[in-house]
Amino acid sequence: MKRVTIHRCPVCSSIGAHTDQLVAELRKDPDVRVTIEQGEKGEFTVEVDGRLIPTRRGDELIDVPELAAEIHEVETPV
């Protein structure tokens, strides 16, 4: 099972909405467990089994389908 931890900004509505969309997408997969933690102002980071994955291109957040696909591609430790 993949363990995904999302650290998100506690005040940014756009990051909150992006997180909600990503969580909804990830929860379709029964082999993914998602945890959301309060991050720093402006933060949106995602870890898969402790491995940090890219969430931005420059100042722009990577779109949900692409980010979800990247998460699914991360190999789970055996």
C-alpha atoms as a PDB file:
ATOM      1  CA  MET A   1       0.000   0.000   0.000  1.00  0.00           C
ATOM      2  CA  LYS A   2       1.254   3.465  -0.871  1.00  0.00           C
ATOM      3  CA  ARG A   3       1.207   6.050   1.866  1.00  0.00           C
ATOM      4  CA  VAL A   4       0.725   9.569   0.535  1.00  0.00           C
ATOM      5  CA  THR A   5       1.194  12.556   2.818  1.00  0.00           C
ATOM      6  CA  ILE A   6       0.102  15.975   1.600  1.00  0.00           C
ATOM      7  CA  HIS A   7       1.318  19.076   3.422  1.00  0.00           C
ATOM      8  CA  ARG A   8      -0.866  22.022   2.488  1.00  0.00           C
ATOM      9  CA  CYS A   9      -1.106  25.696   3.287  1.00  0.00           C
ATOM     10  CA  PRO A  10      -3.680  26.308   6.035  1.00  0.00           C
ATOM     11  CA  VAL A  11      -4.956  29.564   4.491  1.00  0.00           C
ATOM     12  CA  CYS A  12      -4.649  29.310   0.672  1.00  0.00           C
ATOM     13  CA  SER A  13      -8.018  28.458  -0.831  1.00  0.00           C
ATOM     14  CA  SER A  14      -6.504  27.512  -4.199  1.00  0.00           C
ATOM     15  CA  ILE A  15      -4.106  25.040  -2.570  1.00  0.00           C
ATOM     16  CA  GLY A  16      -6.968  23.712  -0.433  1.00  0.00           C
ATOM     17  CA  ALA A  17      -9.112  23.125  -3.522  1.00  0.00           C
ATOM     18  CA  HIS A  18      -6.191  21.501  -5.363  1.00  0.00           C
ATOM     19  CA  THR A  19      -5.605  19.217  -2.392  1.00  0.00           C
ATOM     20  CA  ASP A  20      -9.281  18.246  -2.239  1.00  0.00           C
ATOM     21  CA  GLN A  21      -9.275  17.341  -5.941  1.00  0.00           C
ATOM     22  CA  LEU A  22      -6.093  15.306  -5.593  1.00  0.00           C
ATOM     23  CA  VAL A  23      -7.405  13.450  -2.545  1.00  0.00           C
ATOM     24  CA  ALA A  24     -10.663  12.627  -4.348  1.00  0.00           C
ATOM     25  CA  GLU A  25      -8.671  11.220  -7.269  1.00  0.00           C
ATOM     26  CA  LEU A  26      -6.300   9.206  -5.079  1.00  0.00           C
ATOM     27  CA  ARG A  27      -9.059   7.721  -2.940  1.00  0.00           C
ATOM     28  CA  LYS A  28     -10.377   5.912  -6.022  1.00  0.00           C
ATOM     29  CA  ASP A  29      -7.416   3.558  -5.588  1.00  0.00           C
ATOM     30  CA  PRO A  30      -7.832   1.193  -2.610  1.00  0.00           C
ATOM     31  CA  ASP A  31      -4.049   0.667  -2.481  1.00  0.00           C
ATOM     32  CA  VAL A  32      -3.372   4.329  -1.654  1.00  0.00           C
ATOM     33  CA  ARG A  33      -3.693   5.752   1.848  1.00  0.00           C
ATOM     34  CA  VAL A  34      -3.816   9.565   1.996  1.00  0.00           C
ATOM     35  CA  THR A  35      -3.032  11.770   4.978  1.00  0.00           C
ATOM     36  CA  ILE A  36      -3.332  15.561   4.936  1.00  0.00           C
ATOM     37  CA  GLU A  37      -1.203  17.642   7.274  1.00  0.00           C
ATOM     38  CA  GLN A  38      -1.154  21.362   7.871  1.00  0.00           C
ATOM     39  CA  GLY A  39       1.890  22.887   6.254  1.00  0.00           C
ATOM     40  CA  GLU A  40       3.460  26.305   6.141  1.00  0.00           C
ATOM     41  CA  LYS A  41       1.903  29.297   4.417  1.00  0.00           C
ATOM     42  CA  GLY A  42       2.032  28.694   0.653  1.00  0.00           C
ATOM     43  CA  GLU A  43       3.134  25.066   1.041  1.00  0.00           C
ATOM     44  CA  PHE A  44       1.878  22.226  -1.130  1.00  0.00           C
ATOM     45  CA  THR A  45       4.156  19.215  -0.897  1.00  0.00           C
ATOM     46  CA  VAL A  46       3.460  15.553  -1.500  1.00  0.00           C
ATOM     47  CA  GLU A  47       5.390  12.586  -0.167  1.00  0.00           C
ATOM     48  CA  VAL A  48       4.877   9.019  -1.333  1.00  0.00           C
ATOM     49  CA  ASP A  49       6.250   6.520   1.170  1.00  0.00           C
ATOM     50  CA  GLY A  50       8.563   9.278   2.448  1.00  0.00           C
ATOM     51  CA  ARG A  51       9.774  10.276  -1.012  1.00  0.00           C
ATOM     52  CA  LEU A  52       9.108  13.910  -1.983  1.00  0.00           C
ATOM     53  CA  ILE A  53       7.660  14.309  -5.467  1.00  0.00           C
ATOM     54  CA  PRO A  54       7.471  17.499  -7.543  1.00  0.00           C
ATOM     55  CA  THR A  55       4.184  19.402  -7.221  1.00  0.00           C
ATOM     56  CA  ARG A  56       5.008  22.614  -9.099  1.00  0.00           C
ATOM     57  CA  ARG A  57       6.432  23.859 -12.348  1.00  0.00           C
ATOM     58  CA  GLY A  58       7.795  27.239 -11.499  1.00  0.00           C
ATOM     59  CA  ASP A  59       5.020  28.951  -9.556  1.00  0.00           C
ATOM     60  CA  GLU A  60       2.231  26.784 -11.015  1.00  0.00           C
ATOM     61  CA  LEU A  61       0.832  23.670  -9.342  1.00  0.00           C
ATOM     62  CA  ILE A  62       0.987  20.546 -11.482  1.00  0.00           C
ATOM     63  CA  ASP A  63      -2.560  19.608 -12.530  1.00  0.00           C
ATOM     64  CA  VAL A  64      -4.345  16.890 -10.582  1.00  0.00           C
ATOM     65  CA  PRO A  65      -4.463  14.139 -13.267  1.00  0.00           C
ATOM     66  CA  GLU A  66      -0.734  14.470 -13.968  1.00  0.00           C
ATOM     67  CA  LEU A  67       0.158  14.599 -10.273  1.00  0.00           C
ATOM     68  CA  ALA A  68      -2.028  11.563  -9.511  1.00  0.00           C
ATOM     69  CA  ALA A  69      -0.360   9.647 -12.357  1.00  0.00           C
ATOM     70  CA  GLU A  70       3.068  10.556 -10.970  1.00  0.00           C
ATOM     71  CA  ILE A  71       2.016   9.294  -7.526  1.00  0.00           C
ATOM     72  CA  HIS A  72       0.767   6.020  -8.998  1.00  0.00           C
ATOM     73  CA  GLU A  73       4.084   5.519 -10.823  1.00  0.00           C
ATOM     74  CA  VAL A  74       6.157   5.683  -7.643  1.00  0.00           C
ATOM     75  CA  GLU A  75       7.285   2.173  -6.782  1.00  0.00           C
ATOM     76  CA  THR A  76       6.260   0.895  -3.378  1.00  0.00           C
ATOM     77  CA  PRO A  77       8.999  -0.595  -1.198  1.00  0.00           C
ATOM     78  CA  VAL A  78       8.728  -4.352  -0.823  1.00  0.00           C
END
